[in-house]
Amino acid sequence: QIPTACYFIDSHLRLEEHIEMAKIFDHVFIAQKEYIKDFKNSGIANTHWLPLGCDTEINDKFGSAKK
């Protein structure tokens, strides 16, 4: 009775595999917004967009130039 969740990144590389794995979870989060409809069309209604991100207050402290 415990809700389960997963988070997929790079679904564009392994879309079919991610969709199959997602079927066993109650909630699915994906980093690529454009693939939400693919998950929902496969019967995974509780698919949500959760973009990648970082804390700029931590990451900017390294002083590296963006490449």
C-alpha atoms as a PDB file:
ATOM      1  CA  GLN A   1       0.000   0.000   0.000  1.00  0.00           C
ATOM      2  CA  ILE A   2       3.029   2.276  -0.286  1.00  0.00           C
ATOM      3  CA  PRO A   3       2.966   4.558  -3.353  1.00  0.00           C
ATOM      4  CA  THR A   4       5.847   4.036  -5.750  1.00  0.00           C
ATOM      5  CA  ALA A   5       7.553   6.508  -8.057  1.00  0.00           C
ATOM      6  CA  CYS A   6      10.328   6.563 -10.628  1.00  0.00           C
ATOM      7  CA  TYR A   7      12.281   9.253 -12.444  1.00  0.00           C
ATOM      8  CA  PHE A   8      13.558   8.756 -15.969  1.00  0.00           C
ATOM      9  CA  ILE A   9      16.068  10.909 -17.794  1.00  0.00           C
ATOM     10  CA  ASP A  10      17.141  10.549 -21.421  1.00  0.00           C
ATOM     11  CA  SER A  11      13.873   8.908 -22.438  1.00  0.00           C
ATOM     12  CA  HIS A  12      14.659   9.863 -26.026  1.00  0.00           C
ATOM     13  CA  LEU A  13      17.404   7.221 -25.945  1.00  0.00           C
ATOM     14  CA  ARG A  14      15.375   4.379 -24.392  1.00  0.00           C
ATOM     15  CA  LEU A  15      11.731   5.364 -24.792  1.00  0.00           C
ATOM     16  CA  GLU A  16      10.166   1.909 -25.184  1.00  0.00           C
ATOM     17  CA  GLU A  17      12.204   0.475 -22.311  1.00  0.00           C
ATOM     18  CA  HIS A  18      11.280   3.381 -20.029  1.00  0.00           C
ATOM     19  CA  ILE A  19       7.598   3.025 -20.886  1.00  0.00           C
ATOM     20  CA  GLU A  20       7.662  -0.696 -20.059  1.00  0.00           C
ATOM     21  CA  MET A  21       9.451  -0.115 -16.744  1.00  0.00           C
ATOM     22  CA  ALA A  22       7.097   2.758 -15.850  1.00  0.00           C
ATOM     23  CA  LYS A  23       4.075   0.451 -15.882  1.00  0.00           C
ATOM     24  CA  ILE A  24       4.922  -0.933 -12.428  1.00  0.00           C
ATOM     25  CA  PHE A  25       4.978   2.480 -10.700  1.00  0.00           C
ATOM     26  CA  ASP A  26       2.160   4.627  -9.333  1.00  0.00           C
ATOM     27  CA  HIS A  27       3.791   7.900 -10.390  1.00  0.00           C
ATOM     28  CA  VAL A  28       6.281   8.492 -13.166  1.00  0.00           C
ATOM     29  CA  PHE A  29       8.464  11.559 -13.575  1.00  0.00           C
ATOM     30  CA  ILE A  30      10.406  12.250 -16.757  1.00  0.00           C
ATOM     31  CA  ALA A  31      12.964  14.931 -17.594  1.00  0.00           C
ATOM     32  CA  GLN A  32      12.020  15.375 -21.263  1.00  0.00           C
ATOM     33  CA  LYS A  33       8.670  17.148 -21.435  1.00  0.00           C
ATOM     34  CA  GLU A  34       8.001  16.183 -25.057  1.00  0.00           C
ATOM     35  CA  TYR A  35       7.624  12.484 -24.113  1.00  0.00           C
ATOM     36  CA  ILE A  36       4.832  12.876 -21.565  1.00  0.00           C
ATOM     37  CA  LYS A  37       2.218  12.129 -24.210  1.00  0.00           C
ATOM     38  CA  ASP A  38       4.008   8.900 -25.194  1.00  0.00           C
ATOM     39  CA  PHE A  39       3.826   7.649 -21.609  1.00  0.00           C
ATOM     40  CA  LYS A  40       0.199   8.726 -21.179  1.00  0.00           C
ATOM     41  CA  ASN A  41      -0.800   7.193 -24.535  1.00  0.00           C
ATOM     42  CA  SER A  42       0.708   3.921 -23.260  1.00  0.00           C
ATOM     43  CA  GLY A  43      -1.705   3.935 -20.314  1.00  0.00           C
ATOM     44  CA  ILE A  44       0.552   5.587 -17.731  1.00  0.00           C
ATOM     45  CA  ALA A  45      -1.783   8.356 -16.591  1.00  0.00           C
ATOM     46  CA  ASN A  46       0.276   9.635 -13.652  1.00  0.00           C
ATOM     47  CA  THR A  47       3.192  10.851 -15.749  1.00  0.00           C
ATOM     48  CA  HIS A  48       4.646  14.202 -14.771  1.00  0.00           C
ATOM     49  CA  TRP A  49       7.393  16.474 -16.061  1.00  0.00           C
ATOM     50  CA  LEU A  50      10.278  17.002 -13.633  1.00  0.00           C
ATOM     51  CA  PRO A  51      13.046  18.923 -15.409  1.00  0.00           C
ATOM     52  CA  LEU A  52      16.695  18.512 -14.581  1.00  0.00           C
ATOM     53  CA  GLY A  53      18.173  21.326 -12.558  1.00  0.00           C
ATOM     54  CA  CYS A  54      20.865  22.435 -10.173  1.00  0.00           C
ATOM     55  CA  ASP A  55      21.388  24.858  -7.344  1.00  0.00           C
ATOM     56  CA  THR A  56      23.311  27.763  -8.892  1.00  0.00           C
ATOM     57  CA  GLU A  57      24.428  28.969  -5.462  1.00  0.00           C
ATOM     58  CA  ILE A  58      26.388  25.730  -5.111  1.00  0.00           C
ATOM     59  CA  ASN A  59      27.421  25.084  -8.718  1.00  0.00           C
ATOM     60  CA  ASP A  60      28.546  28.657  -9.497  1.00  0.00           C
ATOM     61  CA  LYS A  61      31.145  28.454  -6.710  1.00  0.00           C
ATOM     62  CA  PHE A  62      33.444  26.302  -8.827  1.00  0.00           C
ATOM     63  CA  GLY A  63      34.319  29.169 -11.180  1.00  0.00           C
ATOM     64  CA  SER A  64      34.423  27.014 -14.277  1.00  0.00           C
ATOM     65  CA  ALA A  65      33.466  28.495 -17.614  1.00  0.00           C
ATOM     66  CA  LYS A  66      30.478  26.917 -19.322  1.00  0.00           C
ATOM     67  CA  LYS A  67      31.447  24.777 -22.307  1.00  0.00           C
END
